[in-house]
Amino acid sequence: MSLIGWNYGISAKREEDGIITEVFIHPIFQDGHVGEGYIWSKEDVISHIDDRNKVTTILPTGDGGWRKGAEVHVVDTGSGRYIRTDKNETPRDNLGELPEF
């Protein structure tokens, strides 16, 4: 699936006590090319999604490339804001099976 039209791709996560604290995120350029990754806080991801940036998980293809995973959403609950690849309102982060770094 093409990465054209997406702004950022998350390839890994860092958790503490089951809560995502940081992600390894890559810019996705207009041609769908994935740039070098860097570390963002969960709050940075939420801020960029709030600013209407499109964020997806990305998975390695095995040949040095990337393929699109699932769209990342912000879910607001009474106990906080979470980043998830689904829209259910379970009060926790969930980026699927991304590896930890």
N, C-alpha and C. Protein backbone atom coordinates (compact mmCIF):
# COMPACT_ATOMS: atom_id res chain seq x y z
N MET A 1 0.85 -1.18 0.00
CA MET A 1 0.00 0.00 0.00
C MET A 1 0.89 1.24 0.00
N SER A 2 0.55 2.21 -0.78
CA SER A 2 1.36 3.41 -0.96
C SER A 2 1.40 4.28 0.29
N LEU A 3 2.52 4.93 0.47
CA LEU A 3 2.69 5.88 1.56
C LEU A 3 2.47 7.32 1.11
N ILE A 4 2.13 7.52 -0.16
CA ILE A 4 1.86 8.87 -0.67
C ILE A 4 0.63 9.42 0.05
N GLY A 5 0.74 10.67 0.52
CA GLY A 5 -0.37 11.31 1.23
C GLY A 5 -0.24 11.26 2.74
N TRP A 6 0.73 10.52 3.24
CA TRP A 6 0.97 10.45 4.68
C TRP A 6 2.11 11.39 5.04
N ASN A 7 2.09 11.95 6.25
CA ASN A 7 3.13 12.88 6.69
C ASN A 7 4.24 12.21 7.48
N TYR A 8 3.87 11.23 8.33
CA TYR A 8 4.85 10.59 9.21
C TYR A 8 4.52 9.12 9.36
N GLY A 9 5.58 8.32 9.57
CA GLY A 9 5.42 6.90 9.84
C GLY A 9 6.16 6.51 11.10
N ILE A 10 5.49 5.77 11.98
CA ILE A 10 6.08 5.30 13.22
C ILE A 10 6.53 3.86 13.02
N SER A 11 7.83 3.61 13.28
CA SER A 11 8.38 2.27 13.06
C SER A 11 8.67 1.50 14.34
N ALA A 12 8.71 2.18 15.49
CA ALA A 12 9.00 1.51 16.77
C ALA A 12 8.49 2.38 17.91
N LYS A 13 8.40 1.78 19.09
CA LYS A 13 7.89 2.49 20.26
C LYS A 13 8.74 2.18 21.48
N ARG A 14 8.66 3.05 22.46
CA ARG A 14 9.29 2.81 23.76
C ARG A 14 8.18 2.91 24.80
N GLU A 15 8.08 1.91 25.66
CA GLU A 15 7.05 1.87 26.69
C GLU A 15 7.67 1.81 28.07
N GLU A 16 6.97 2.39 29.02
CA GLU A 16 7.30 2.24 30.44
C GLU A 16 6.01 1.86 31.15
N ASP A 17 6.00 0.71 31.79
CA ASP A 17 4.82 0.22 32.49
C ASP A 17 3.59 0.16 31.58
N GLY A 18 3.80 -0.24 30.32
CA GLY A 18 2.69 -0.38 29.39
C GLY A 18 2.21 0.91 28.76
N ILE A 19 2.87 2.02 29.04
CA ILE A 19 2.49 3.32 28.49
C ILE A 19 3.56 3.76 27.49
N ILE A 20 3.14 4.11 26.29
CA ILE A 20 4.09 4.60 25.29
C ILE A 20 4.61 5.96 25.72
N THR A 21 5.93 6.08 25.79
CA THR A 21 6.56 7.36 26.16
C THR A 21 7.20 8.04 24.96
N GLU A 22 7.73 7.23 24.02
CA GLU A 22 8.40 7.77 22.86
C GLU A 22 8.17 6.84 21.67
N VAL A 23 8.34 7.41 20.48
CA VAL A 23 8.26 6.61 19.26
C VAL A 23 9.44 6.95 18.36
N PHE A 24 9.77 6.03 17.47
CA PHE A 24 10.76 6.29 16.43
C PHE A 24 9.95 6.61 15.19
N ILE A 25 10.05 7.86 14.72
CA ILE A 25 9.16 8.35 13.66
C ILE A 25 9.98 8.84 12.48
N HIS A 26 9.42 8.70 11.28
CA HIS A 26 10.10 9.06 10.04
C HIS A 26 9.21 10.03 9.26
N PRO A 27 9.80 11.06 8.65
CA PRO A 27 9.00 11.87 7.73
C PRO A 27 8.70 11.05 6.48
N ILE A 28 7.53 11.26 5.91
CA ILE A 28 7.18 10.65 4.63
C ILE A 28 7.01 11.79 3.64
N PHE A 29 7.82 11.77 2.59
CA PHE A 29 7.84 12.86 1.62
C PHE A 29 6.70 12.70 0.61
N GLN A 30 6.44 13.76 -0.16
CA GLN A 30 5.31 13.78 -1.08
C GLN A 30 5.33 12.62 -2.08
N ASP A 31 6.53 12.13 -2.43
CA ASP A 31 6.62 11.02 -3.38
C ASP A 31 6.48 9.65 -2.71
N GLY A 32 6.24 9.65 -1.38
CA GLY A 32 6.08 8.40 -0.64
C GLY A 32 7.38 7.87 -0.06
N HIS A 33 8.50 8.54 -0.35
CA HIS A 33 9.80 8.13 0.20
C HIS A 33 9.82 8.35 1.71
N VAL A 34 10.36 7.38 2.45
CA VAL A 34 10.46 7.46 3.91
C VAL A 34 11.85 7.95 4.28
N GLY A 35 11.91 9.04 5.06
CA GLY A 35 13.18 9.61 5.48
C GLY A 35 13.75 8.93 6.71
N GLU A 36 14.92 9.41 7.12
CA GLU A 36 15.58 8.91 8.32
C GLU A 36 14.70 9.16 9.54
N GLY A 37 14.75 8.24 10.49
CA GLY A 37 13.91 8.35 11.67
C GLY A 37 14.59 9.06 12.82
N TYR A 38 13.78 9.50 13.75
CA TYR A 38 14.25 10.14 14.97
C TYR A 38 13.23 9.92 16.08
N ILE A 39 13.58 10.28 17.29
CA ILE A 39 12.73 10.02 18.45
C ILE A 39 11.84 11.22 18.74
N TRP A 40 10.54 10.93 18.93
CA TRP A 40 9.57 11.93 19.38
C TRP A 40 8.91 11.41 20.65
N SER A 41 8.48 12.33 21.49
CA SER A 41 7.66 11.95 22.64
C SER A 41 6.24 11.65 22.15
N LYS A 42 5.49 10.95 22.97
CA LYS A 42 4.08 10.70 22.65
C LYS A 42 3.34 12.02 22.49
N GLU A 43 3.68 13.00 23.31
CA GLU A 43 3.03 14.31 23.25
C GLU A 43 3.30 15.00 21.91
N ASP A 44 4.52 14.82 21.35
CA ASP A 44 4.83 15.37 20.03
C ASP A 44 3.93 14.76 18.97
N VAL A 45 3.73 13.45 19.04
CA VAL A 45 2.86 12.77 18.07
C VAL A 45 1.44 13.31 18.18
N ILE A 46 0.93 13.41 19.40
CA ILE A 46 -0.43 13.93 19.61
C ILE A 46 -0.55 15.34 19.04
N SER A 47 0.43 16.19 19.30
CA SER A 47 0.40 17.57 18.80
C SER A 47 0.36 17.61 17.28
N HIS A 48 1.15 16.77 16.62
CA HIS A 48 1.17 16.76 15.15
C HIS A 48 -0.14 16.21 14.58
N ILE A 49 -0.73 15.22 15.21
CA ILE A 49 -2.03 14.73 14.75
C ILE A 49 -3.09 15.80 14.97
N ASP A 50 -3.03 16.49 16.11
CA ASP A 50 -3.97 17.59 16.36
C ASP A 50 -3.85 18.68 15.29
N ASP A 51 -2.63 18.85 14.75
CA ASP A 51 -2.39 19.84 13.69
C ASP A 51 -2.71 19.31 12.30
N ARG A 52 -3.44 18.20 12.25
CA ARG A 52 -3.93 17.60 11.00
C ARG A 52 -2.87 16.89 10.16
N ASN A 53 -1.77 16.50 10.77
CA ASN A 53 -0.80 15.66 10.07
C ASN A 53 -1.31 14.23 10.08
N LYS A 54 -1.10 13.51 8.99
CA LYS A 54 -1.52 12.11 8.90
C LYS A 54 -0.36 11.23 9.31
N VAL A 55 -0.60 10.37 10.31
CA VAL A 55 0.44 9.50 10.88
C VAL A 55 -0.02 8.06 10.75
N THR A 56 0.90 7.19 10.34
CA THR A 56 0.62 5.77 10.20
C THR A 56 1.76 4.98 10.84
N THR A 57 1.50 3.74 11.16
CA THR A 57 2.61 2.86 11.50
C THR A 57 3.22 2.41 10.17
N ILE A 58 4.52 2.10 10.19
CA ILE A 58 5.18 1.57 9.01
C ILE A 58 5.95 0.32 9.41
N LEU A 59 6.02 -0.62 8.48
CA LEU A 59 6.64 -1.91 8.73
C LEU A 59 7.69 -2.18 7.66
N PRO A 60 8.85 -2.76 8.05
CA PRO A 60 9.89 -3.03 7.05
C PRO A 60 9.42 -4.08 6.05
N THR A 61 9.86 -3.90 4.80
CA THR A 61 9.47 -4.84 3.74
C THR A 61 10.46 -5.98 3.57
N GLY A 62 11.64 -5.86 4.18
CA GLY A 62 12.66 -6.90 4.04
C GLY A 62 13.70 -6.57 3.00
N ASP A 63 13.39 -5.62 2.11
CA ASP A 63 14.35 -5.22 1.08
C ASP A 63 14.86 -3.79 1.31
N GLY A 64 14.74 -3.32 2.55
CA GLY A 64 15.19 -1.98 2.89
C GLY A 64 14.11 -0.92 2.76
N GLY A 65 12.93 -1.30 2.33
CA GLY A 65 11.83 -0.36 2.17
C GLY A 65 10.84 -0.46 3.32
N TRP A 66 9.74 0.25 3.15
CA TRP A 66 8.69 0.29 4.17
C TRP A 66 7.34 0.08 3.51
N ARG A 67 6.41 -0.49 4.28
CA ARG A 67 5.02 -0.57 3.83
C ARG A 67 4.13 0.02 4.91
N LYS A 68 2.99 0.50 4.48
CA LYS A 68 2.04 1.14 5.38
C LYS A 68 1.43 0.11 6.32
N GLY A 69 1.31 0.50 7.59
CA GLY A 69 0.60 -0.29 8.57
C GLY A 69 -0.78 0.30 8.78
N ALA A 70 -1.07 0.72 10.02
CA ALA A 70 -2.39 1.24 10.37
C ALA A 70 -2.31 2.72 10.71
N GLU A 71 -3.37 3.45 10.42
CA GLU A 71 -3.44 4.87 10.77
C GLU A 71 -3.41 5.04 12.29
N VAL A 72 -2.70 6.06 12.74
CA VAL A 72 -2.60 6.35 14.17
C VAL A 72 -3.58 7.48 14.49
N HIS A 73 -4.39 7.25 15.52
CA HIS A 73 -5.40 8.21 15.97
C HIS A 73 -5.08 8.64 17.40
N VAL A 74 -5.62 9.80 17.77
CA VAL A 74 -5.59 10.24 19.17
C VAL A 74 -6.96 9.94 19.74
N VAL A 75 -6.97 9.27 20.90
CA VAL A 75 -8.21 8.97 21.59
C VAL A 75 -8.20 9.71 22.92
N ASP A 76 -9.24 10.52 23.13
CA ASP A 76 -9.40 11.25 24.39
C ASP A 76 -10.32 10.47 25.30
N THR A 77 -9.85 10.23 26.52
CA THR A 77 -10.70 9.58 27.51
C THR A 77 -10.68 10.45 28.76
N GLY A 78 -11.47 10.11 29.73
CA GLY A 78 -11.47 10.86 30.98
C GLY A 78 -10.16 10.78 31.73
N SER A 79 -9.35 9.78 31.39
CA SER A 79 -8.08 9.61 32.11
C SER A 79 -6.86 10.09 31.31
N GLY A 80 -7.06 10.66 30.11
CA GLY A 80 -5.93 11.17 29.37
C GLY A 80 -6.10 11.01 27.87
N ARG A 81 -5.01 11.30 27.15
CA ARG A 81 -4.99 11.19 25.69
C ARG A 81 -4.02 10.07 25.32
N TYR A 82 -4.44 9.27 24.35
CA TYR A 82 -3.68 8.09 23.98
C TYR A 82 -3.52 8.03 22.47
N ILE A 83 -2.45 7.37 22.02
CA ILE A 83 -2.28 7.13 20.59
C ILE A 83 -2.58 5.66 20.32
N ARG A 84 -3.41 5.45 19.31
CA ARG A 84 -3.90 4.10 19.04
C ARG A 84 -4.04 3.90 17.54
N THR A 85 -3.98 2.64 17.13
CA THR A 85 -4.25 2.30 15.74
C THR A 85 -5.69 1.87 15.53
N ASP A 86 -6.48 1.94 16.58
CA ASP A 86 -7.93 1.75 16.45
C ASP A 86 -8.59 2.89 17.21
N LYS A 87 -9.89 3.02 17.04
CA LYS A 87 -10.56 4.17 17.66
C LYS A 87 -11.34 3.80 18.91
N ASN A 88 -11.14 2.59 19.45
CA ASN A 88 -11.90 2.28 20.65
C ASN A 88 -11.35 3.13 21.79
N GLU A 89 -12.13 3.36 22.78
CA GLU A 89 -11.76 4.32 23.82
C GLU A 89 -11.16 3.68 25.06
N THR A 90 -10.53 2.52 24.88
CA THR A 90 -9.82 1.90 25.99
C THR A 90 -8.74 2.87 26.46
N PRO A 91 -8.67 3.17 27.76
CA PRO A 91 -7.73 4.19 28.24
C PRO A 91 -6.29 3.67 28.32
N ARG A 92 -5.70 3.43 27.14
CA ARG A 92 -4.30 3.05 27.06
C ARG A 92 -3.83 3.23 25.63
N ASP A 93 -2.51 3.27 25.45
CA ASP A 93 -1.93 3.36 24.12
C ASP A 93 -1.96 2.00 23.46
N ASN A 94 -2.01 2.00 22.12
CA ASN A 94 -1.98 0.75 21.38
C ASN A 94 -1.51 1.04 19.96
N LEU A 95 -0.28 0.70 19.66
CA LEU A 95 0.23 0.83 18.29
C LEU A 95 0.48 -0.53 17.67
N GLY A 96 -0.30 -1.50 18.08
CA GLY A 96 -0.19 -2.83 17.49
C GLY A 96 1.10 -3.51 17.87
N GLU A 97 1.65 -4.24 16.93
CA GLU A 97 2.82 -5.08 17.19
C GLU A 97 4.14 -4.41 16.81
N LEU A 98 4.22 -3.10 16.89
CA LEU A 98 5.48 -2.43 16.57
C LEU A 98 6.55 -2.88 17.54
N PRO A 99 7.80 -3.00 17.06
CA PRO A 99 8.88 -3.38 17.97
C PRO A 99 9.22 -2.26 18.95
N GLU A 100 9.86 -2.64 20.03
CA GLU A 100 10.33 -1.64 21.00
C GLU A 100 11.77 -1.27 20.66
N PHE A 101 12.15 -0.06 21.04
CA PHE A 101 13.54 0.37 20.86
C PHE A 101 14.09 0.86 22.19
